[in-house]
Protein backbone atom coordinates (compact mmCIF):
# COMPACT_ATOMS: atom_id res chain seq x y z
CA UNK A 1 -24.04 233.23 -143.99
CA UNK A 2 -25.49 235.50 -141.56
CA UNK A 3 -25.90 233.36 -138.17
CA UNK A 4 -24.35 230.21 -139.36
CA UNK A 5 -20.98 228.52 -139.69
CA UNK A 6 -19.01 230.73 -141.76
CA UNK A 7 -16.84 227.90 -142.72
CA UNK A 8 -19.61 225.54 -144.00
CA UNK A 9 -19.11 224.36 -147.51
CA UNK A 10 -22.54 223.48 -149.24
CA UNK A 11 -20.78 220.86 -151.79
CA UNK A 12 -19.07 217.67 -151.70
CA UNK A 13 -16.60 217.91 -154.63
CA UNK A 14 -15.46 220.99 -156.93
CA UNK A 15 -17.20 218.96 -159.59
CA UNK A 16 -20.77 219.68 -157.94
CA UNK A 17 -19.92 223.37 -157.24
CA UNK A 18 -19.00 223.79 -160.97
CA UNK A 19 -22.35 222.24 -162.53
CA UNK A 20 -24.69 224.18 -160.07
CA UNK A 21 -23.33 227.69 -161.21
CA UNK A 22 -23.52 226.18 -164.82
CA UNK A 23 -27.12 225.26 -164.31
CA UNK A 24 -27.40 228.82 -162.36
CA UNK A 25 -25.22 231.09 -165.21
CA UNK A 26 -24.79 229.14 -168.18
CA UNK A 27 -24.21 232.49 -170.25
CA UNK A 28 -21.44 234.00 -168.11
CA UNK A 29 -17.68 233.42 -168.48
CA UNK A 30 -15.90 230.73 -166.62
CA UNK A 31 -12.76 230.80 -167.78
CA UNK A 32 -10.10 233.01 -170.10
CA UNK A 33 -6.98 233.98 -171.26
CA UNK A 34 -5.03 237.17 -171.70
CA UNK A 35 -4.53 238.31 -175.14
CA UNK A 36 -0.30 237.67 -175.29
CA UNK A 37 -0.74 234.47 -174.73
CA UNK A 38 -1.98 233.80 -178.03
CA UNK A 39 -4.17 230.89 -176.92
CA UNK A 40 -7.44 230.41 -177.72
CA UNK A 41 -10.43 227.72 -177.36
CA UNK A 42 -13.06 227.05 -179.80
CA UNK A 43 -11.85 230.21 -181.67
CA UNK A 44 -12.34 232.43 -178.74
CA UNK A 45 -10.42 233.83 -175.70
CA UNK A 46 -13.50 233.15 -172.98
CA UNK A 47 -15.45 229.96 -172.13
CA UNK A 48 -19.03 230.29 -171.12
CA UNK A 49 -20.21 227.95 -168.41
CA UNK A 50 -22.82 226.21 -170.99
CA UNK A 51 -20.02 225.37 -173.63
CA UNK A 52 -17.04 224.59 -170.53
CA UNK A 53 -19.62 221.82 -169.02
CA UNK A 54 -20.56 220.54 -172.37
CA UNK A 55 -16.88 220.05 -172.78
CA UNK A 56 -16.30 218.65 -168.96
CA UNK A 57 -18.83 215.75 -169.66
CA UNK A 58 -17.26 214.95 -173.21
CA UNK A 59 -14.18 214.15 -171.30
CA UNK A 60 -15.68 212.72 -168.64
CA UNK A 61 -17.28 210.43 -170.73
CA UNK A 62 -14.31 209.48 -172.25
CA UNK A 63 -12.09 208.71 -169.24
CA UNK A 64 -15.13 206.57 -168.01
CA UNK A 65 -15.06 204.73 -170.57
CA UNK A 66 -11.77 203.82 -170.12
CA UNK A 67 -12.49 202.91 -166.48
CA UNK A 68 -10.90 205.71 -164.87
CA UNK A 69 -12.26 206.79 -161.20
CA UNK A 70 -11.42 206.60 -157.88
CA UNK A 71 -7.71 205.77 -156.60
CA UNK A 72 -6.47 206.66 -160.22
CA UNK A 73 -4.34 209.66 -161.55
CA UNK A 74 -3.62 211.78 -164.49
CA UNK A 75 -0.84 213.73 -164.95
CA UNK A 76 -1.43 217.32 -167.00
CA UNK A 77 0.85 219.33 -168.61
CA UNK A 78 -1.46 221.61 -170.11
CA UNK A 79 0.67 225.08 -169.27
CA UNK A 80 -1.99 227.39 -168.02
CA UNK A 81 -4.24 226.66 -170.93
CA UNK A 82 -8.20 226.42 -170.06
CA UNK A 83 -8.21 222.97 -170.94
CA UNK A 84 -5.70 222.02 -167.59
CA UNK A 85 -9.40 222.94 -165.79
CA UNK A 86 -11.65 221.10 -168.02
CA UNK A 87 -9.64 218.01 -167.71
CA UNK A 88 -9.57 218.45 -163.77
CA UNK A 89 -13.36 218.73 -163.69
CA UNK A 90 -13.70 215.75 -165.58
CA UNK A 91 -11.56 213.87 -163.52
CA UNK A 92 -12.97 215.15 -160.49
CA UNK A 93 -16.56 214.09 -161.83
CA UNK A 94 -15.35 210.31 -161.27
CA UNK A 95 -13.34 210.70 -158.37
CA UNK A 96 -9.70 210.60 -160.26
CA UNK A 97 -7.34 213.06 -158.97
CA UNK A 98 -4.96 215.60 -161.26
CA UNK A 99 -0.95 215.44 -160.74
CA UNK A 100 -0.33 218.94 -162.00
CA UNK A 101 3.46 218.75 -164.13
CA UNK A 102 5.54 221.74 -163.60
CA UNK A 103 6.34 222.27 -167.80
CA UNK A 104 9.92 223.68 -166.58
CA UNK A 105 10.93 220.20 -165.15
CA UNK A 106 13.69 218.65 -166.54
CA UNK A 107 13.60 215.09 -167.46
CA UNK A 108 14.63 213.19 -164.35
CA UNK A 109 12.62 215.70 -162.38
CA UNK A 110 9.42 214.33 -164.46
CA UNK A 111 10.54 210.71 -163.71
CA UNK A 112 10.22 210.94 -160.39
CA UNK A 113 6.91 212.94 -160.47
CA UNK A 114 5.76 210.28 -162.38
CA UNK A 115 7.00 207.03 -160.80
CA UNK A 116 5.75 208.50 -156.99
CA UNK A 117 2.49 209.97 -157.95
CA UNK A 118 1.96 206.20 -159.71
CA UNK A 119 0.01 208.11 -162.62
CA UNK A 120 -1.76 206.10 -165.21
CA UNK A 121 -1.59 208.36 -167.51
CA UNK A 122 -0.06 211.64 -169.09
CA UNK A 123 -1.82 214.19 -171.07
CA UNK A 124 0.20 217.02 -172.50
CA UNK A 125 0.18 219.57 -174.85
CA UNK A 126 1.22 218.98 -178.51
CA UNK A 127 4.63 220.31 -178.04
CA UNK A 128 5.50 218.55 -174.77
CA UNK A 129 4.17 215.36 -175.83
CA UNK A 130 7.68 213.88 -177.20
CA UNK A 131 9.38 214.70 -174.05
CA UNK A 132 7.04 212.90 -171.56
CA UNK A 133 6.92 210.07 -173.92
CA UNK A 134 10.82 209.84 -173.50
CA UNK A 135 10.38 209.84 -169.68
CA UNK A 136 7.68 207.54 -169.98
CA UNK A 137 10.05 205.14 -171.79
CA UNK A 138 12.22 205.37 -168.60
CA UNK A 139 9.33 204.26 -165.90
CA UNK A 140 9.39 200.41 -164.99
CA UNK A 141 6.12 200.08 -167.12
CA UNK A 142 5.84 203.05 -169.39
CA UNK A 143 2.66 204.91 -169.31
CA UNK A 144 0.31 206.29 -172.34
CA UNK A 145 0.60 209.64 -173.19
CA UNK A 146 -2.03 211.70 -174.99
CA UNK A 147 -2.58 214.87 -176.70
CA UNK A 148 -5.08 216.95 -174.40
CA UNK A 149 -6.21 219.75 -176.57
CA UNK A 150 -7.33 216.91 -179.08
CA UNK A 151 -7.82 213.82 -177.32
CA UNK A 152 -8.19 210.51 -179.37
CA UNK A 153 -11.64 208.60 -179.72
CA UNK A 154 -10.83 205.99 -176.91
CA UNK A 155 -8.21 205.98 -174.16
CA UNK A 156 -6.07 202.54 -172.71
CA UNK A 157 -7.56 201.48 -169.50
CA UNK A 158 -5.52 202.27 -166.51
CA UNK A 159 -3.40 199.67 -164.92
CA UNK A 160 -6.01 198.88 -162.09
CA UNK A 161 -9.46 198.97 -161.55
CA UNK A 162 -11.23 202.10 -160.02
CA UNK A 163 -11.67 201.82 -156.18
CA UNK A 164 -15.56 202.22 -156.37
CA UNK A 165 -17.80 204.19 -154.47
CA UNK A 166 -19.05 207.78 -155.30
CA UNK A 167 -16.28 210.63 -154.68
CA UNK A 168 -17.08 212.88 -151.52
CA UNK A 169 -15.34 215.53 -149.82
CA UNK A 170 -12.01 213.50 -148.56
CA UNK A 171 -11.72 212.13 -152.16
CA UNK A 172 -8.16 213.10 -153.41
CA UNK A 173 -8.55 216.14 -156.43
CA UNK A 174 -5.03 216.73 -157.12
CA UNK A 175 -1.62 216.04 -156.13
CA UNK A 176 0.55 218.99 -155.73
CA UNK A 177 4.16 218.78 -155.25
CA UNK A 178 6.14 220.99 -153.33
CA UNK A 179 9.78 221.41 -152.24
CA UNK A 180 10.74 220.30 -148.97
CA UNK A 181 14.07 220.25 -146.96
CA UNK A 182 15.43 216.70 -147.74
CA UNK A 183 15.70 216.89 -151.40
CA UNK A 184 13.21 215.90 -153.83
CA UNK A 185 9.35 217.34 -153.67
CA UNK A 186 6.55 215.81 -151.56
CA UNK A 187 3.31 215.27 -152.82
CA UNK A 188 0.65 217.02 -151.20
CA UNK A 189 -2.62 215.02 -151.11
CA UNK A 190 -5.34 217.59 -152.08
CA UNK A 191 -8.74 216.68 -151.59
CA UNK A 192 -12.47 218.16 -152.87
CA UNK A 193 -13.00 219.73 -149.14
CA UNK A 194 -9.35 221.29 -149.44
CA UNK A 195 -10.74 222.81 -152.72
CA UNK A 196 -13.89 223.92 -151.54
CA UNK A 197 -12.78 225.25 -148.40
CA UNK A 198 -10.35 227.51 -149.52
CA UNK A 199 -12.85 228.64 -152.40
CA UNK A 200 -15.68 229.75 -149.80
CA UNK A 201 -12.57 231.15 -147.52
CA UNK A 202 -11.64 233.32 -150.24
CA UNK A 203 -15.76 234.16 -151.63
CA UNK A 204 -16.66 235.13 -147.74
CA UNK A 205 -13.60 236.85 -146.56
CA UNK A 206 -14.90 240.42 -147.66
CA UNK A 207 -12.49 243.73 -146.55
CA UNK A 208 -10.80 245.46 -149.83
CA UNK A 209 -11.08 241.93 -151.76
CA UNK A 210 -14.86 241.50 -151.59
CA UNK A 211 -16.03 239.33 -154.60
CA UNK A 212 -19.03 240.32 -156.11
CA UNK A 213 -20.66 237.00 -157.28
CA UNK A 214 -21.43 237.08 -161.27
CA UNK A 215 -19.68 240.29 -161.75
CA UNK A 216 -15.73 239.49 -161.31
CA UNK A 217 -13.11 238.64 -163.67
CA UNK A 218 -9.80 237.07 -161.78
CA UNK A 219 -6.78 237.40 -163.61
CA UNK A 220 -4.19 235.03 -162.05
CA UNK A 221 -0.73 234.44 -164.00
CA UNK A 222 0.80 231.60 -161.67
CA UNK A 223 1.02 228.26 -162.63
CA UNK A 224 -1.50 225.80 -162.13
CA UNK A 225 0.63 223.30 -160.66
CA UNK A 226 0.45 225.87 -157.47
CA UNK A 227 -2.26 225.80 -155.62
CA UNK A 228 -2.63 229.20 -155.85
CA UNK A 229 -4.11 229.58 -159.27
CA UNK A 230 -4.97 225.65 -159.35
CA UNK A 231 -6.86 225.21 -156.48
CA UNK A 232 -7.59 228.34 -154.76
CA UNK A 233 -8.46 230.97 -157.58
CA UNK A 234 -10.16 228.50 -160.06
CA UNK A 235 -12.44 227.20 -157.41
CA UNK A 236 -13.01 230.63 -155.98
CA UNK A 237 -14.43 231.82 -159.68
CA UNK A 238 -16.71 228.44 -159.45
CA UNK A 239 -18.20 229.18 -156.90
CA UNK A 240 -18.76 233.32 -156.79
CA UNK A 241 -20.37 232.07 -160.79
CA UNK A 242 -17.36 234.10 -162.11
CA UNK A 243 -14.21 233.70 -164.39
CA UNK A 244 -10.74 232.81 -163.72
CA UNK A 245 -8.71 234.89 -166.57
CA UNK A 246 -5.31 233.00 -166.63
CA UNK A 247 -1.57 234.29 -168.80
CA UNK A 248 1.06 231.81 -169.91
CA UNK A 249 2.93 233.93 -167.75
CA UNK A 250 3.41 237.19 -166.24
CA UNK A 251 4.66 239.58 -168.84
CA UNK A 252 5.48 243.02 -167.14
CA UNK A 253 5.69 245.44 -170.53
CA UNK A 254 2.41 244.07 -171.75
CA UNK A 255 0.70 243.18 -168.14
CA UNK A 256 -1.68 246.55 -168.15
CA UNK A 257 -2.59 245.68 -171.89
CA UNK A 258 -3.68 241.87 -170.93
CA UNK A 259 -5.27 243.53 -167.39
CA UNK A 260 -7.35 245.67 -169.76
CA UNK A 261 -7.86 243.63 -172.36
CA UNK A 262 -9.19 240.83 -170.80
CA UNK A 263 -11.56 242.92 -168.52
CA UNK A 264 -9.75 242.04 -164.88
CA UNK A 265 -11.76 243.43 -161.84
CA UNK A 266 -8.93 241.71 -159.48
CA UNK A 267 -5.41 240.17 -159.82
CA UNK A 268 -3.44 237.92 -158.08
CA UNK A 269 0.44 238.48 -157.34
CA UNK A 270 3.76 237.49 -155.78
CA UNK A 271 6.26 239.92 -154.84
CA UNK A 272 8.33 239.61 -157.56
CA UNK A 273 5.43 241.20 -159.59
CA UNK A 274 5.12 244.78 -157.77
CA UNK A 275 9.21 246.29 -158.60
CA UNK A 276 8.63 244.93 -161.97
CA UNK A 277 5.65 246.77 -162.60
CA UNK A 278 7.26 249.62 -160.92
CA UNK A 279 10.00 249.65 -163.12
CA UNK A 280 7.79 249.96 -166.14
CA UNK A 281 7.46 253.10 -168.31
CA UNK A 282 3.90 254.85 -167.62
CA UNK A 283 1.11 253.73 -170.06
CA UNK A 284 -2.37 254.93 -170.36
CA UNK A 285 -3.68 251.43 -169.93
CA UNK A 286 -2.51 251.29 -166.11
CA UNK A 287 -4.95 253.81 -165.66
CA UNK A 288 -7.66 252.64 -167.48
CA UNK A 289 -8.04 249.38 -165.84
CA UNK A 290 -11.39 248.05 -163.93
CA UNK A 291 -8.93 246.49 -161.22
CA UNK A 292 -10.57 246.79 -157.64
CA UNK A 293 -8.09 245.09 -155.84
CA UNK A 294 -5.16 242.73 -155.38
CA UNK A 295 -4.20 239.76 -153.59
CA UNK A 296 -0.85 238.19 -153.28
CA UNK A 297 2.00 238.07 -150.98
CA UNK A 298 5.41 238.75 -150.64
CA UNK A 299 5.81 242.75 -151.03
CA UNK A 300 7.91 244.93 -149.71
CA UNK A 301 6.19 247.55 -148.08
CA UNK A 302 7.75 250.35 -148.94
CA UNK A 303 7.04 249.28 -153.11
CA UNK A 304 3.30 248.65 -151.93
CA UNK A 305 2.69 252.12 -150.98
CA UNK A 306 4.33 253.29 -154.59
CA UNK A 307 2.29 250.65 -156.09
CA UNK A 308 -0.87 251.28 -154.73
CA UNK A 309 0.06 255.18 -155.06
CA UNK A 310 0.61 254.72 -158.72
CA UNK A 311 -1.89 252.37 -160.15
CA UNK A 312 -4.80 253.35 -157.80
CA UNK A 313 -5.74 249.70 -156.03
CA UNK A 314 -5.36 248.33 -152.80
CA UNK A 315 -3.17 245.19 -152.64
CA UNK A 316 -4.03 242.72 -149.92
CA UNK A 317 -1.07 240.27 -147.87
CA UNK A 318 -2.00 236.91 -146.93
CA UNK A 319 -0.07 234.11 -145.96
CA UNK A 320 -0.88 230.50 -146.78
CA UNK A 321 1.36 226.96 -147.92
CA UNK A 322 0.07 224.60 -150.53
CA UNK A 323 0.03 221.90 -147.16
CA UNK A 324 -2.74 224.54 -145.31
CA UNK A 325 -5.26 225.60 -148.15
CA UNK A 326 -6.28 228.28 -145.66
CA UNK A 327 -4.89 231.73 -145.49
CA UNK A 328 -4.51 234.54 -142.46
CA UNK A 329 -4.78 238.08 -144.62
CA UNK A 330 -4.49 241.44 -144.05
CA UNK A 331 -7.68 242.24 -145.79
CA UNK A 332 -9.74 244.84 -143.62
CA UNK A 333 -8.73 248.78 -142.74
CA UNK A 334 -6.98 250.00 -141.53
CA UNK A 335 -4.49 247.61 -143.04
CA UNK A 336 -1.07 247.55 -141.71
CA UNK A 337 1.02 248.43 -144.77
CA UNK A 338 4.03 249.66 -143.05
CA UNK A 339 4.85 245.89 -141.87
CA UNK A 340 5.01 242.50 -143.79
CA UNK A 341 1.72 242.06 -141.69
CA UNK A 342 -0.12 238.88 -142.93
CA UNK A 343 -3.19 238.41 -141.02
CA UNK A 344 -4.77 236.88 -137.80
CA UNK A 345 -6.18 234.10 -136.22
CA UNK A 346 -9.92 233.52 -137.51
CA UNK A 347 -12.61 231.35 -138.16
CA UNK A 348 -11.05 229.30 -140.86
CA UNK A 349 -7.17 229.48 -139.36
CA UNK A 350 -6.23 229.61 -135.89
CA UNK A 351 -2.05 231.02 -135.78
CA UNK A 352 0.77 230.74 -132.67
CA UNK A 353 4.42 231.29 -132.12
CA UNK A 354 6.44 228.67 -130.88
CA UNK A 355 9.83 228.10 -129.75
CA UNK A 356 12.07 224.96 -130.50
CA UNK A 357 10.75 222.99 -128.47
CA UNK A 358 7.24 223.77 -129.21
CA UNK A 359 6.16 226.37 -126.33
CA UNK A 360 4.18 228.88 -127.00
CA UNK A 361 5.88 232.47 -126.74
CA UNK A 362 4.83 235.56 -125.59
CA UNK A 363 3.25 238.40 -128.18
CA UNK A 364 6.01 240.34 -129.93
CA UNK A 365 9.05 237.34 -129.42
CA UNK A 366 9.92 235.98 -132.95
CA UNK A 367 8.99 232.00 -133.23
CA UNK A 368 8.14 229.48 -135.69
CA UNK A 369 4.55 230.16 -137.18
CA UNK A 370 2.14 226.83 -136.35
CA UNK A 371 -1.37 227.14 -137.72
CA UNK A 372 -4.78 224.74 -137.33
CA UNK A 373 -8.05 224.83 -138.14
CA UNK A 374 -9.92 226.01 -135.23
CA UNK A 375 -12.43 223.33 -133.49
CA UNK A 376 -12.63 219.57 -133.20
CA UNK A 377 -11.03 218.68 -136.72
CA UNK A 378 -7.44 220.91 -136.65
CA UNK A 379 -6.72 219.64 -140.11
CA UNK A 380 -10.22 220.84 -141.62
CA UNK A 381 -9.35 221.81 -145.11
CA UNK A 382 -5.99 221.28 -144.87
CA UNK A 383 -4.00 218.86 -147.09
CA UNK A 384 -4.55 215.34 -146.56
CA UNK A 385 -0.91 214.28 -146.16
CA UNK A 386 2.12 213.79 -148.10
CA UNK A 387 2.02 210.81 -150.41
CA UNK A 388 4.02 207.76 -149.27
CA UNK A 389 5.41 209.57 -146.09
CA UNK A 390 3.31 209.59 -143.31
CA UNK A 391 6.47 209.91 -140.97
CA UNK A 392 6.72 213.54 -142.13
CA UNK A 393 3.13 214.49 -142.13
CA UNK A 394 3.02 213.26 -138.35
CA UNK A 395 6.86 215.53 -138.09
CA UNK A 396 4.82 218.30 -139.85
CA UNK A 397 1.71 218.21 -137.28
CA UNK A 398 3.19 217.32 -134.23
CA UNK A 399 1.28 218.64 -131.19
CA UNK A 400 -1.66 218.67 -133.43
CA UNK A 401 -0.29 222.43 -134.95
CA UNK A 402 0.82 222.26 -138.52
CA UNK A 403 4.84 223.64 -138.54
CA UNK A 404 5.30 226.13 -141.38
CA UNK A 405 9.18 226.51 -140.81
CA UNK A 406 8.45 230.45 -141.28
CA UNK A 407 9.60 232.34 -138.34
CA UNK A 408 7.05 235.21 -137.46
CA UNK A 409 6.27 237.06 -134.27
CA UNK A 410 2.49 238.06 -132.85
CA UNK A 411 1.98 241.59 -132.16
CA UNK A 412 -0.08 243.09 -129.20
CA UNK A 413 -3.22 243.15 -131.76
CA UNK A 414 -3.14 240.02 -132.89
CA UNK A 415 -1.78 240.84 -136.44
CA UNK A 416 1.09 237.91 -137.34
CA UNK A 417 4.31 240.11 -138.74
CA UNK A 418 5.97 237.79 -141.32
CA UNK A 419 10.25 237.85 -140.47
CA UNK A 420 12.06 235.11 -142.40
CA UNK A 421 12.02 231.53 -143.35
CA UNK A 422 13.14 228.86 -140.81
CA UNK A 423 13.57 226.40 -143.58
CA UNK A 424 16.52 225.98 -146.24
CA UNK A 425 14.38 226.95 -148.93
CA UNK A 426 15.46 229.46 -151.41
CA UNK A 427 12.36 231.46 -152.62
CA UNK A 428 12.92 232.63 -156.38
CA UNK A 429 9.96 234.34 -157.99
CA UNK A 430 7.80 232.46 -156.41
CA UNK A 431 9.00 229.52 -156.33
CA UNK A 432 10.39 227.44 -153.21
CA UNK A 433 13.93 225.60 -154.07
CA UNK A 434 14.99 222.83 -151.85
CA UNK A 435 18.50 223.91 -151.61
CA UNK A 436 19.52 220.10 -150.97
CA UNK A 437 17.88 218.83 -154.06
CA UNK A 438 20.59 221.29 -155.43
CA UNK A 439 22.88 220.31 -153.75
CA UNK A 440 22.30 216.61 -154.63
CA UNK A 441 22.31 217.53 -157.91
CA UNK A 442 25.86 219.78 -158.20
CA UNK A 443 27.94 217.34 -156.26
CA UNK A 444 27.66 215.09 -159.13
CA UNK A 445 29.79 217.41 -161.26
CA UNK A 446 33.01 216.19 -161.87
CA UNK A 447 35.12 218.97 -160.62
CA UNK A 448 33.08 219.42 -157.33
CA UNK A 449 34.17 218.25 -154.52
CA UNK A 450 31.89 220.21 -151.47
CA UNK A 451 29.11 222.22 -152.48
CA UNK A 452 26.11 224.11 -150.75
CA UNK A 453 23.56 226.08 -152.29
CA UNK A 454 22.29 229.36 -150.20
CA UNK A 455 20.10 231.90 -150.70
CA UNK A 456 21.28 235.51 -152.00
CA UNK A 457 19.55 238.81 -152.56
CA UNK A 458 18.17 239.53 -156.03
CA UNK A 459 16.78 243.01 -156.68
CA UNK A 460 13.82 241.37 -159.04
CA UNK A 461 13.34 237.94 -158.16
CA UNK A 462 13.40 238.03 -154.46
CA UNK A 463 16.39 235.25 -153.90
CA UNK A 464 18.67 233.65 -156.18
CA UNK A 465 20.69 230.63 -155.95
CA UNK A 466 24.32 230.47 -155.30
CA UNK A 467 26.60 227.49 -155.39
CA UNK A 468 29.20 227.76 -152.58
CA UNK A 469 31.92 225.33 -154.16
CA UNK A 470 35.08 223.70 -153.23
CA UNK A 471 36.87 221.96 -156.13
CA UNK A 472 38.54 218.72 -156.82
CA UNK A 473 42.44 219.42 -157.36
CA UNK A 474 43.38 220.24 -161.17
CA UNK A 475 40.18 222.62 -161.54
CA UNK A 476 40.71 226.21 -161.53
CA UNK A 477 38.45 228.45 -160.41
CA UNK A 478 37.64 230.53 -163.42
CA UNK A 479 34.84 231.66 -165.43
CA UNK A 480 34.92 228.82 -167.15
CA UNK A 481 34.31 225.77 -164.55
CA UNK A 482 31.57 228.08 -162.93
CA UNK A 483 29.58 228.49 -166.18
CA UNK A 484 29.99 224.26 -166.46
CA UNK A 485 28.66 224.45 -163.21
CA UNK A 486 25.73 225.89 -164.12
CA UNK A 487 25.08 224.18 -167.21
CA UNK A 488 25.79 221.04 -165.16
CA UNK A 489 22.40 221.96 -163.04
CA UNK A 490 20.43 223.32 -166.15
CA UNK A 491 20.51 219.91 -168.04
CA UNK A 492 19.13 218.22 -164.50
CA UNK A 493 16.84 220.68 -163.10
CA UNK A 494 14.42 223.06 -163.66
CA UNK A 495 16.33 226.27 -165.00
CA UNK A 496 14.65 228.31 -161.92
CA UNK A 497 16.84 225.80 -159.06
CA UNK A 498 20.33 226.46 -161.25
CA UNK A 499 22.48 228.49 -159.58
CA UNK A 500 22.49 232.40 -160.92
CA UNK A 501 25.54 232.54 -158.75
CA UNK A 502 29.13 230.00 -158.53
CA UNK A 503 31.32 231.08 -155.44
CA UNK A 504 34.22 229.63 -155.17
CA UNK A 505 35.84 228.75 -151.63
CA UNK A 506 38.80 227.16 -150.35
CA UNK A 507 36.53 224.90 -147.77
CA UNK A 508 33.03 224.62 -146.16
CA UNK A 509 32.23 225.42 -142.33
CA UNK A 510 31.34 222.27 -141.35
CA UNK A 511 29.90 221.33 -137.43
CA UNK A 512 31.74 218.25 -135.77
CA UNK A 513 29.78 215.79 -137.79
CA UNK A 514 30.53 217.30 -141.19
CA UNK A 515 27.32 219.12 -141.80
CA UNK A 516 27.51 222.56 -143.46
CA UNK A 517 26.97 225.67 -141.66
CA UNK A 518 25.04 227.76 -144.40
CA UNK A 519 24.74 230.48 -141.82
CA UNK A 520 28.41 230.97 -141.27
CA UNK A 521 29.22 230.78 -144.90
CA UNK A 522 29.68 234.26 -145.09
CA UNK A 523 29.83 236.88 -142.65
CA UNK A 524 27.03 238.70 -141.45
CA UNK A 525 26.67 241.76 -143.26
CA UNK A 526 28.61 241.26 -146.19
CA UNK A 527 26.96 240.41 -149.71
CA UNK A 528 29.03 237.50 -151.17
CA UNK A 529 27.73 238.27 -154.40
CA UNK A 530 30.11 241.37 -154.36
CA UNK A 531 33.29 239.17 -153.08
CA UNK A 532 36.27 238.23 -155.19
CA UNK A 533 35.41 234.81 -157.00
CA UNK A 534 31.65 235.17 -157.69
CA UNK A 535 30.90 234.72 -160.76
CA UNK A 536 27.54 235.95 -162.09
CA UNK A 537 25.51 233.19 -164.33
CA UNK A 538 21.89 234.74 -164.24
CA UNK A 539 22.09 235.39 -168.14
CA UNK A 540 22.18 231.75 -168.79
CA UNK A 541 19.57 230.82 -166.91
CA UNK A 542 17.38 233.31 -168.71
CA UNK A 543 18.66 231.78 -172.14
CA UNK A 544 17.76 228.46 -171.11
CA UNK A 545 14.04 228.88 -169.40
CA UNK A 546 11.62 226.43 -171.24
């Protein structure tokens, strides 16, 4: 917008933005799937805006007839299928929110999500209906589970009446669950404004990731239960009258074939994808694509240079969290590709570095990254708070800045450089794993006396979970015991949270208050994977992936 506010958003809800694009470009594709996914809808891999609008209207009428509206939530376990977004839009039109469900969640994790969110209904792919019904029966009051690919002719009414009123920018559109440091995931309340704010930021940021309205097809293989695909890319495609291409997951071997055959002109990535693709043998498809740019995070500088040279398009690094929505990003030339540069303060997000007492630090000094929206409303475009946890929301926003838990520095030129994570989070293949949640699960193993989950390096997945274990008397620190520990976690947690390594110790380093000093677990510079007593269980995780 020339001469105006670059952060202006012209719609109040996601559905309003979709309806405007459907009216303007009914024949454009809005959603598509990759060939390797094996999915179709209506016998096609693409859905046009006109067809999508018809399906959304029919779903919305079904939900409306049952009484759904503002104040209601519907859990969606629809994988990365286009139907996920059709249900989101149908419910958004009524002011109801969605709760995307991680399909890799174990039953106890699903139970927590359904209880905590107070979802009134679960909508699932057919093959997971039985799993959700089993979880639902464990609720204090069971909720219905329906087939989201072939909805019934009528839905049961929600447990309580809708709040009434008209959906607006502040209305909850989704509840995204994100790992915290206290064990259980936190429910981030995400408003319509969040969805739209981040979409218009993406649409207007320019540089090497300039969007072409009505011409782009953005391939994002990341899960819909993350804000990257579930909010950012989808809504950006909608407001720019473009198409989002989803995949069942990232497949390194068939990636370039999917890119070419889906007609992708842009891709989203996580750091793990770059080395995985560089390790693949060369193929004709990697030179036949039409991709102009990639947008993501977590790439090693050396890997970025090799990727751009081999695959012949630039990849832009950025930074965001589920809580922030907005980005800082390094998208304009000259980019600082020789370091983990993640962007500068901008019209959507202001960044500073603080010490442990929240004092701003000088340029070049490492500290915690804190962010806010510029102007009178520092929370504009951010999450609306943690569900049922106002105290945690207040702590995160102390002093009027959102505390990220990431250790960064700001250079003299204003560029933010990412260094490490302050929070006790293990980052594996793009998933944030709360070590405290893993600890709590493993502590119930009958052989374990004390346990501490830590992150260890992993060449393909950035980090892997290692369980440092002190056994109870009478249990042998051998391969069989190690395997039983990982199997214990696999039965209770999503596969990626289970320990890929188990390390047996005589004791754990403790503070005077008996808290584990994870930073003192091993001497600096020592790789615990190579020490006697370390057992590699990563193959068990591969074979247990749901």
